[in-house]
């Protein structure tokens, strides 16, 4: 009987399918300057669920990675954004321009920006 390795299993879903949200296809540009089409969720509300970390790419670009939780899908994930916000655990934030995909054996998410949602 053949054994199946975890690395042999590929689940390919767009962020819209994963989070059950509408998306649109947008042409974006990679860090290397190549155009590609991406499924983009324009806005998504999530909750801060962990620490923010600063990441510097090989090209010297600074990103901020946030641990967030989507209460609708019950999915906890990390998302990178260019801007830094000071938010605490449990604070609602909005992800603007969310894209994601599979690279090797891990899933990645990136937002154009992250914004704190002010409550009255």
C-alpha atoms as a PDB file:
ATOM      1  CA  UNK A   1       0.000   0.000   0.000  1.00  0.00           C
ATOM      2  CA  UNK A   2       1.397   3.393  -1.024  1.00  0.00           C
ATOM      3  CA  UNK A   3       1.841   5.991   1.681  1.00  0.00           C
ATOM      4  CA  UNK A   4       0.704   9.547   1.136  1.00  0.00           C
ATOM      5  CA  UNK A   5       2.916  12.319   2.474  1.00  0.00           C
ATOM      6  CA  UNK A   6       1.447  15.609   3.668  1.00  0.00           C
ATOM      7  CA  UNK A   7       3.635  17.366   1.081  1.00  0.00           C
ATOM      8  CA  UNK A   8       1.786  15.429  -1.664  1.00  0.00           C
ATOM      9  CA  UNK A   9      -1.586  16.899  -0.671  1.00  0.00           C
ATOM     10  CA  UNK A  10      -2.518  20.239  -2.218  1.00  0.00           C
ATOM     11  CA  UNK A  11      -5.666  22.101  -1.314  1.00  0.00           C
ATOM     12  CA  UNK A  12      -5.989  24.983  -3.721  1.00  0.00           C
ATOM     13  CA  UNK A  13      -8.576  27.565  -2.741  1.00  0.00           C
ATOM     14  CA  UNK A  14      -8.663  31.272  -3.295  1.00  0.00           C
ATOM     15  CA  UNK A  15      -8.961  33.464  -0.179  1.00  0.00           C
ATOM     16  CA  UNK A  16     -12.571  34.187  -1.233  1.00  0.00           C
ATOM     17  CA  UNK A  17     -13.387  30.463  -1.228  1.00  0.00           C
ATOM     18  CA  UNK A  18     -11.585  29.931   2.072  1.00  0.00           C
ATOM     19  CA  UNK A  19     -13.358  32.805   3.838  1.00  0.00           C
ATOM     20  CA  UNK A  20     -16.631  32.650   1.880  1.00  0.00           C
ATOM     21  CA  UNK A  21     -16.346  36.299   0.802  1.00  0.00           C
ATOM     22  CA  UNK A  22     -16.678  38.005  -2.585  1.00  0.00           C
ATOM     23  CA  UNK A  23     -13.521  38.833  -4.515  1.00  0.00           C
ATOM     24  CA  UNK A  24     -12.414  40.355  -7.771  1.00  0.00           C
ATOM     25  CA  UNK A  25      -9.536  39.503 -10.087  1.00  0.00           C
ATOM     26  CA  UNK A  26      -6.910  42.257 -10.145  1.00  0.00           C
ATOM     27  CA  UNK A  27      -3.584  42.558 -11.973  1.00  0.00           C
ATOM     28  CA  UNK A  28      -0.788  43.017  -9.439  1.00  0.00           C
ATOM     29  CA  UNK A  29       2.982  43.225  -9.724  1.00  0.00           C
ATOM     30  CA  UNK A  30       5.414  40.922  -7.928  1.00  0.00           C
ATOM     31  CA  UNK A  31       8.514  42.130  -6.084  1.00  0.00           C
ATOM     32  CA  UNK A  32      10.482  41.106  -9.188  1.00  0.00           C
ATOM     33  CA  UNK A  33       8.330  43.332 -11.411  1.00  0.00           C
ATOM     34  CA  UNK A  34       6.242  40.625 -13.084  1.00  0.00           C
ATOM     35  CA  UNK A  35       2.508  41.133 -13.578  1.00  0.00           C
ATOM     36  CA  UNK A  36       0.135  38.455 -12.292  1.00  0.00           C
ATOM     37  CA  UNK A  37      -3.583  38.096 -11.697  1.00  0.00           C
ATOM     38  CA  UNK A  38      -4.765  37.716  -8.115  1.00  0.00           C
ATOM     39  CA  UNK A  39      -8.092  37.069  -6.419  1.00  0.00           C
ATOM     40  CA  UNK A  40      -8.500  40.047  -4.069  1.00  0.00           C
ATOM     41  CA  UNK A  41     -10.904  40.431  -1.161  1.00  0.00           C
ATOM     42  CA  UNK A  42     -11.481  44.180  -1.002  1.00  0.00           C
ATOM     43  CA  UNK A  43     -12.289  44.342   2.742  1.00  0.00           C
ATOM     44  CA  UNK A  44     -12.352  41.759   5.531  1.00  0.00           C
ATOM     45  CA  UNK A  45     -12.975  42.219   9.260  1.00  0.00           C
ATOM     46  CA  UNK A  46     -10.802  40.126  11.602  1.00  0.00           C
ATOM     47  CA  UNK A  47      -9.603  40.246  15.218  1.00  0.00           C
ATOM     48  CA  UNK A  48      -5.993  40.607  16.431  1.00  0.00           C
ATOM     49  CA  UNK A  49      -5.095  37.242  17.991  1.00  0.00           C
ATOM     50  CA  UNK A  50      -1.378  37.545  18.641  1.00  0.00           C
ATOM     51  CA  UNK A  51       1.718  39.642  18.289  1.00  0.00           C
ATOM     52  CA  UNK A  52       2.810  41.858  15.430  1.00  0.00           C
ATOM     53  CA  UNK A  53       6.310  41.233  14.091  1.00  0.00           C
ATOM     54  CA  UNK A  54       8.463  43.347  11.800  1.00  0.00           C
ATOM     55  CA  UNK A  55       9.896  41.605   8.731  1.00  0.00           C
ATOM     56  CA  UNK A  56      12.525  42.944   6.336  1.00  0.00           C
ATOM     57  CA  UNK A  57      12.604  41.359   2.868  1.00  0.00           C
ATOM     58  CA  UNK A  58      15.799  40.528   0.991  1.00  0.00           C
ATOM     59  CA  UNK A  59      15.219  43.715  -1.003  1.00  0.00           C
ATOM     60  CA  UNK A  60      15.151  45.738   2.233  1.00  0.00           C
ATOM     61  CA  UNK A  61      11.386  46.389   2.211  1.00  0.00           C
ATOM     62  CA  UNK A  62       9.793  46.421   5.691  1.00  0.00           C
ATOM     63  CA  UNK A  63       6.527  44.540   6.306  1.00  0.00           C
ATOM     64  CA  UNK A  64       4.524  43.908   9.448  1.00  0.00           C
ATOM     65  CA  UNK A  65       3.061  40.468  10.119  1.00  0.00           C
ATOM     66  CA  UNK A  66      -0.075  40.295  12.227  1.00  0.00           C
ATOM     67  CA  UNK A  67      -1.648  37.230  13.806  1.00  0.00           C
ATOM     68  CA  UNK A  68      -5.387  37.520  13.204  1.00  0.00           C
ATOM     69  CA  UNK A  69      -8.541  35.451  13.661  1.00  0.00           C
ATOM     70  CA  UNK A  70     -11.605  35.350  11.429  1.00  0.00           C
ATOM     71  CA  UNK A  71     -14.595  34.552  13.672  1.00  0.00           C
ATOM     72  CA  UNK A  72     -16.792  33.583  10.690  1.00  0.00           C
ATOM     73  CA  UNK A  73     -14.502  30.865   9.303  1.00  0.00           C
ATOM     74  CA  UNK A  74     -12.821  30.176  12.677  1.00  0.00           C
ATOM     75  CA  UNK A  75      -9.471  30.470  10.872  1.00  0.00           C
ATOM     76  CA  UNK A  76      -6.401  31.871  12.628  1.00  0.00           C
ATOM     77  CA  UNK A  77      -3.666  33.102  10.285  1.00  0.00           C
ATOM     78  CA  UNK A  78      -0.787  35.521   9.763  1.00  0.00           C
ATOM     79  CA  UNK A  79      -1.111  38.368   7.298  1.00  0.00           C
ATOM     80  CA  UNK A  80       1.577  40.782   6.124  1.00  0.00           C
ATOM     81  CA  UNK A  81       0.923  44.472   5.472  1.00  0.00           C
ATOM     82  CA  UNK A  82       3.119  47.464   4.683  1.00  0.00           C
ATOM     83  CA  UNK A  83       1.701  49.640   7.436  1.00  0.00           C
ATOM     84  CA  UNK A  84       2.095  49.340  11.181  1.00  0.00           C
ATOM     85  CA  UNK A  85      -0.759  49.770  13.635  1.00  0.00           C
ATOM     86  CA  UNK A  86      -0.649  49.517  17.405  1.00  0.00           C
ATOM     87  CA  UNK A  87      -3.495  47.198  18.313  1.00  0.00           C
ATOM     88  CA  UNK A  88      -3.974  44.860  21.215  1.00  0.00           C
ATOM     89  CA  UNK A  89      -5.286  41.313  21.438  1.00  0.00           C
ATOM     90  CA  UNK A  90      -9.010  41.139  20.686  1.00  0.00           C
ATOM     91  CA  UNK A  91      -9.211  44.440  18.767  1.00  0.00           C
ATOM     92  CA  UNK A  92     -11.196  44.343  15.504  1.00  0.00           C
ATOM     93  CA  UNK A  93      -9.222  45.369  12.430  1.00  0.00           C
ATOM     94  CA  UNK A  94      -9.921  45.549   8.730  1.00  0.00           C
ATOM     95  CA  UNK A  95      -7.777  43.989   6.032  1.00  0.00           C
ATOM     96  CA  UNK A  96      -7.879  45.967   2.789  1.00  0.00           C
ATOM     97  CA  UNK A  97      -6.872  44.317  -0.495  1.00  0.00           C
ATOM     98  CA  UNK A  98      -6.318  40.815   0.906  1.00  0.00           C
ATOM     99  CA  UNK A  99      -4.582  38.280  -1.345  1.00  0.00           C
ATOM    100  CA  UNK A 100      -3.148  34.873  -0.555  1.00  0.00           C
ATOM    101  CA  UNK A 101      -1.813  31.686  -1.981  1.00  0.00           C
ATOM    102  CA  UNK A 102       0.273  28.587  -1.561  1.00  0.00           C
ATOM    103  CA  UNK A 103       4.073  28.725  -1.744  1.00  0.00           C
ATOM    104  CA  UNK A 104       5.719  25.369  -1.301  1.00  0.00           C
ATOM    105  CA  UNK A 105       4.172  23.773   1.782  1.00  0.00           C
ATOM    106  CA  UNK A 106       2.766  26.887   3.410  1.00  0.00           C
ATOM    107  CA  UNK A 107      -0.088  29.325   2.908  1.00  0.00           C
ATOM    108  CA  UNK A 108       0.553  33.073   2.795  1.00  0.00           C
ATOM    109  CA  UNK A 109      -1.662  36.152   3.091  1.00  0.00           C
ATOM    110  CA  UNK A 110      -0.863  39.786   2.348  1.00  0.00           C
ATOM    111  CA  UNK A 111      -3.018  42.896   2.643  1.00  0.00           C
ATOM    112  CA  UNK A 112      -2.472  46.279   1.009  1.00  0.00           C
ATOM    113  CA  UNK A 113      -3.107  47.724   4.464  1.00  0.00           C
ATOM    114  CA  UNK A 114      -4.537  46.943   7.872  1.00  0.00           C
ATOM    115  CA  UNK A 115      -6.748  49.449   9.693  1.00  0.00           C
ATOM    116  CA  UNK A 116      -8.150  49.558  13.202  1.00  0.00           C
ATOM    117  CA  UNK A 117     -11.941  49.542  13.307  1.00  0.00           C
ATOM    118  CA  UNK A 118     -13.177  52.210  15.672  1.00  0.00           C
ATOM    119  CA  UNK A 119     -16.253  51.290  17.714  1.00  0.00           C
ATOM    120  CA  UNK A 120     -18.600  53.877  19.162  1.00  0.00           C
END
